[in-house]
């Protein structure tokens, strides 16, 4: 992979200046890839509608096979842009657990590129509890990919120094937010089937979901 010049933008916790938002947005609008802090770990972000940007992410992560990339949105209504249908349970879950580390798996819209989706054409969606990130998504006007900033099969990364070590020269921009607070990745809940399934237990305890969903 050709080495590129990686820009570094430093932010303070959940605060970011408007000019920095616009700089990051400019990179994303030009089909660039960024590494950025979330409320769990660092993620790799790109325009979820750009096949070119999505292929870059798969290459950077050294992914083999067809594996979906989750996305983050700026508000609950934005989910309508990327899913084919919204079960009633979605609204109950989003009211209870969003913003926060719960990824909800839904049937994907036909508008989404194949590079984003799994074999069953599903999409994992999350509303993050990070205000500057939601502001960035509003600025670019498309959901961002939120796949973990790591090489496929390796552990998630919370320290920006590790992100820089692995991804400098590979991504267009790194948002330096220091160490993220997450100790677990987001919990992933599939609500497509009649009986919802926890695909990955993480920051939202499975017991809370089992009690809430009676599963």
Protein backbone atom coordinates (compact mmCIF):
# COMPACT_ATOMS: atom_id res chain seq x y z
CA UNK A 1 0.00 0.00 0.00
CA UNK A 2 1.35 3.41 -0.98
CA UNK A 3 2.31 5.50 2.04
CA UNK A 4 0.41 8.77 2.36
CA UNK A 5 0.91 11.88 4.46
CA UNK A 6 -1.31 11.62 7.53
CA UNK A 7 -2.64 14.84 9.03
CA UNK A 8 -3.03 14.98 12.84
CA UNK A 9 -5.76 17.05 14.51
CA UNK A 10 -5.71 17.26 18.28
CA UNK A 11 -8.92 17.76 20.27
CA UNK A 12 -9.64 18.15 23.97
CA UNK A 13 -11.99 15.44 25.20
CA UNK A 14 -15.41 16.23 23.72
CA UNK A 15 -14.57 19.75 22.51
CA UNK A 16 -13.46 20.65 18.98
CA UNK A 17 -13.21 23.98 17.19
CA UNK A 18 -15.40 24.59 14.13
CA UNK A 19 -12.40 25.00 11.82
CA UNK A 20 -11.18 21.53 12.83
CA UNK A 21 -14.62 20.04 12.13
CA UNK A 22 -14.50 21.58 8.65
CA UNK A 23 -10.97 20.25 8.02
CA UNK A 24 -12.00 16.71 8.96
CA UNK A 25 -15.20 17.03 6.90
CA UNK A 26 -13.17 18.13 3.86
CA UNK A 27 -11.11 14.94 4.05
CA UNK A 28 -14.20 12.75 4.36
CA UNK A 29 -15.99 14.46 1.48
CA UNK A 30 -13.01 13.67 -0.74
CA UNK A 31 -13.39 9.94 0.00
CA UNK A 32 -10.64 9.98 2.60
CA UNK A 33 -10.31 7.72 5.65
CA UNK A 34 -9.85 8.99 9.20
CA UNK A 35 -9.05 7.39 12.55
CA UNK A 36 -11.06 8.95 15.37
CA UNK A 37 -11.97 8.44 19.05
CA UNK A 38 -15.45 7.26 20.01
CA UNK A 39 -17.11 6.62 23.36
CA UNK A 40 -15.61 3.10 23.29
CA UNK A 41 -12.38 2.78 21.24
CA UNK A 42 -10.82 4.38 18.18
CA UNK A 43 -12.59 3.77 14.88
CA UNK A 44 -11.92 4.14 11.17
CA UNK A 45 -14.30 6.56 9.51
CA UNK A 46 -15.32 7.17 5.91
CA UNK A 47 -18.38 8.05 3.85
CA UNK A 48 -20.65 5.01 4.12
CA UNK A 49 -21.94 5.65 0.58
CA UNK A 50 -18.46 5.69 -1.03
CA UNK A 51 -17.36 2.32 -2.42
CA UNK A 52 -13.86 3.71 -3.00
CA UNK A 53 -13.47 4.82 0.63
CA UNK A 54 -14.87 1.53 1.91
CA UNK A 55 -12.41 -0.47 -0.18
CA UNK A 56 -9.61 1.62 1.35
CA UNK A 57 -10.77 0.64 4.85
CA UNK A 58 -10.88 -3.07 4.01
CA UNK A 59 -7.36 -2.79 2.57
CA UNK A 60 -6.03 -0.83 5.57
CA UNK A 61 -7.49 -3.38 8.02
CA UNK A 62 -6.20 -6.28 5.87
CA UNK A 63 -9.64 -7.82 5.85
CA UNK A 64 -10.31 -11.04 3.98
CA UNK A 65 -13.80 -12.08 2.96
CA UNK A 66 -17.07 -10.23 3.18
CA UNK A 67 -17.52 -8.69 6.61
CA UNK A 68 -19.84 -5.72 7.31
CA UNK A 69 -18.76 -2.30 8.58
CA UNK A 70 -20.97 -0.62 11.18
CA UNK A 71 -21.86 3.08 11.01
CA UNK A 72 -22.49 5.99 13.38
CA UNK A 73 -25.21 8.60 12.86
CA UNK A 74 -25.89 12.11 14.15
CA UNK A 75 -29.50 11.63 15.27
CA UNK A 76 -32.11 8.89 15.43
CA UNK A 77 -34.01 10.09 12.35
CA UNK A 78 -30.91 9.63 10.20
CA UNK A 79 -31.34 5.88 10.42
CA UNK A 80 -34.11 6.21 7.82
CA UNK A 81 -31.46 7.03 5.19
CA UNK A 82 -29.68 3.71 5.49
CA UNK A 83 -32.17 0.97 6.41
CA UNK A 84 -34.87 -0.79 4.44
CA UNK A 85 -37.33 -1.11 7.32
CA UNK A 86 -37.52 -0.14 10.98
CA UNK A 87 -39.12 -2.61 13.42
CA UNK A 88 -41.13 -1.06 16.28
CA UNK A 89 -38.58 -2.47 18.73
CA UNK A 90 -35.95 -0.14 17.27
CA UNK A 91 -37.67 2.96 18.60
CA UNK A 92 -37.94 1.50 22.10
CA UNK A 93 -34.27 0.52 22.14
CA UNK A 94 -33.03 3.82 20.75
CA UNK A 95 -34.98 5.78 23.36
CA UNK A 96 -33.52 3.67 26.16
CA UNK A 97 -29.90 3.15 25.08
CA UNK A 98 -28.96 5.98 22.68
CA UNK A 99 -26.77 7.97 22.61
CA UNK A 100 -24.53 5.17 23.82
CA UNK A 101 -22.58 2.00 23.01
CA UNK A 102 -25.36 -0.15 21.57
CA UNK A 103 -25.10 -1.12 17.90
CA UNK A 104 -28.46 -2.17 16.45
CA UNK A 105 -28.44 -4.43 13.38
CA UNK A 106 -31.13 -3.72 10.78
CA UNK A 107 -31.90 -4.56 7.14
CA UNK A 108 -29.85 -2.28 4.91
CA UNK A 109 -31.19 0.12 2.33
CA UNK A 110 -30.61 -0.76 -1.34
CA UNK A 111 -28.73 2.55 -1.61
CA UNK A 112 -25.82 1.26 0.45
CA UNK A 113 -22.80 -0.20 -1.39
CA UNK A 114 -21.92 -3.89 -1.16
CA UNK A 115 -18.54 -3.05 0.43
CA UNK A 116 -20.36 -1.87 3.57
CA UNK A 117 -22.60 -4.88 4.09
CA UNK A 118 -22.46 -8.48 5.18
CA UNK A 119 -23.75 -11.44 3.11
CA UNK A 120 -27.29 -10.95 4.43
CA UNK A 121 -27.34 -7.22 3.53
CA UNK A 122 -27.55 -5.95 7.09
CA UNK A 123 -26.13 -2.83 8.70
CA UNK A 124 -25.13 -2.12 12.30
CA UNK A 125 -26.07 1.40 13.41
CA UNK A 126 -25.13 3.40 16.50
CA UNK A 127 -25.76 6.90 17.85
CA UNK A 128 -22.53 7.72 19.73
CA UNK A 129 -22.38 9.60 23.03
CA UNK A 130 -19.78 12.00 21.59
CA UNK A 131 -21.16 15.43 20.73
CA UNK A 132 -18.34 16.57 18.41
CA UNK A 133 -18.66 13.35 16.40
CA UNK A 134 -22.38 13.91 15.91
CA UNK A 135 -21.57 17.48 14.86
CA UNK A 136 -19.07 16.16 12.30
CA UNK A 137 -21.66 13.78 10.84
CA UNK A 138 -24.13 16.67 10.54
CA UNK A 139 -21.44 18.68 8.74
CA UNK A 140 -20.68 16.00 6.13
CA UNK A 141 -24.35 14.96 5.86
CA UNK A 142 -23.70 11.22 5.66
CA UNK A 143 -23.20 8.48 8.28
CA UNK A 144 -19.61 7.46 9.00
CA UNK A 145 -18.19 3.98 9.20
CA UNK A 146 -17.33 3.01 12.77
CA UNK A 147 -15.31 -0.15 12.34
CA UNK A 148 -12.57 -0.60 14.95
CA UNK A 149 -9.24 1.08 14.20
CA UNK A 150 -7.23 -2.12 14.22
CA UNK A 151 -5.86 -4.75 11.89
CA UNK A 152 -8.47 -7.45 11.33
CA UNK A 153 -8.41 -10.02 14.11
CA UNK A 154 -6.42 -7.86 16.53
CA UNK A 155 -7.66 -6.06 19.68
CA UNK A 156 -9.45 -2.72 19.74
CA UNK A 157 -7.30 0.34 20.47
CA UNK A 158 -7.91 2.96 23.18
CA UNK A 159 -4.55 4.81 23.06
CA UNK A 160 -3.90 7.33 20.29
CA UNK A 161 -0.17 6.53 20.35
CA UNK A 162 -0.97 2.98 19.20
CA UNK A 163 -3.31 4.32 16.52
CA UNK A 164 -0.52 6.56 15.21
CA UNK A 165 1.97 3.71 15.27
CA UNK A 166 -0.26 1.46 13.16
CA UNK A 167 -2.10 3.90 10.90
CA UNK A 168 0.23 6.84 10.23
CA UNK A 169 0.95 6.77 6.51
CA UNK A 170 -2.16 4.65 5.87
CA UNK A 171 -5.09 6.93 6.74
CA UNK A 172 -5.56 10.53 5.60
CA UNK A 173 -6.15 12.00 9.05
CA UNK A 174 -6.00 10.99 12.71
CA UNK A 175 -8.12 12.79 15.31
CA UNK A 176 -6.03 12.78 18.47
CA UNK A 177 -8.45 12.64 21.38
CA UNK A 178 -6.00 11.01 23.77
CA UNK A 179 -7.09 7.82 25.45
CA UNK A 180 -10.70 6.77 24.98
CA UNK A 181 -12.78 5.82 28.01
CA UNK A 182 -14.10 2.53 26.68
CA UNK A 183 -13.06 -0.76 28.24
CA UNK A 184 -15.44 -2.78 26.07
CA UNK A 185 -16.64 -2.36 22.48
CA UNK A 186 -20.26 -1.58 21.77
CA UNK A 187 -22.82 -4.33 22.33
CA UNK A 188 -24.26 -5.57 19.04
CA UNK A 189 -27.94 -6.53 18.95
CA UNK A 190 -29.64 -8.03 15.89
CA UNK A 191 -33.36 -7.17 15.83
CA UNK A 192 -34.11 -8.37 12.31
CA UNK A 193 -35.33 -11.79 13.33
CA UNK A 194 -38.48 -12.42 15.32
CA UNK A 195 -36.34 -13.23 18.34
CA UNK A 196 -33.61 -10.57 18.80
CA UNK A 197 -30.07 -11.90 19.23
CA UNK A 198 -27.07 -10.46 21.03
CA UNK A 199 -24.25 -10.91 18.50
CA UNK A 200 -21.61 -9.37 20.75
CA UNK A 201 -21.88 -8.49 24.41
CA UNK A 202 -19.93 -5.35 25.24
CA UNK A 203 -20.38 -2.00 26.96
CA UNK A 204 -24.14 -2.47 27.40
CA UNK A 205 -24.48 -5.53 29.68
CA UNK A 206 -26.35 -8.43 28.14
CA UNK A 207 -28.44 -8.76 31.28
CA UNK A 208 -29.91 -5.30 30.72
CA UNK A 209 -30.92 -6.26 27.22
CA UNK A 210 -32.27 -9.66 28.21
CA UNK A 211 -34.43 -8.09 30.87
CA UNK A 212 -35.59 -5.36 28.51
CA UNK A 213 -36.31 -7.66 25.60
CA UNK A 214 -37.40 -10.66 27.64
CA UNK A 215 -35.02 -12.93 25.74
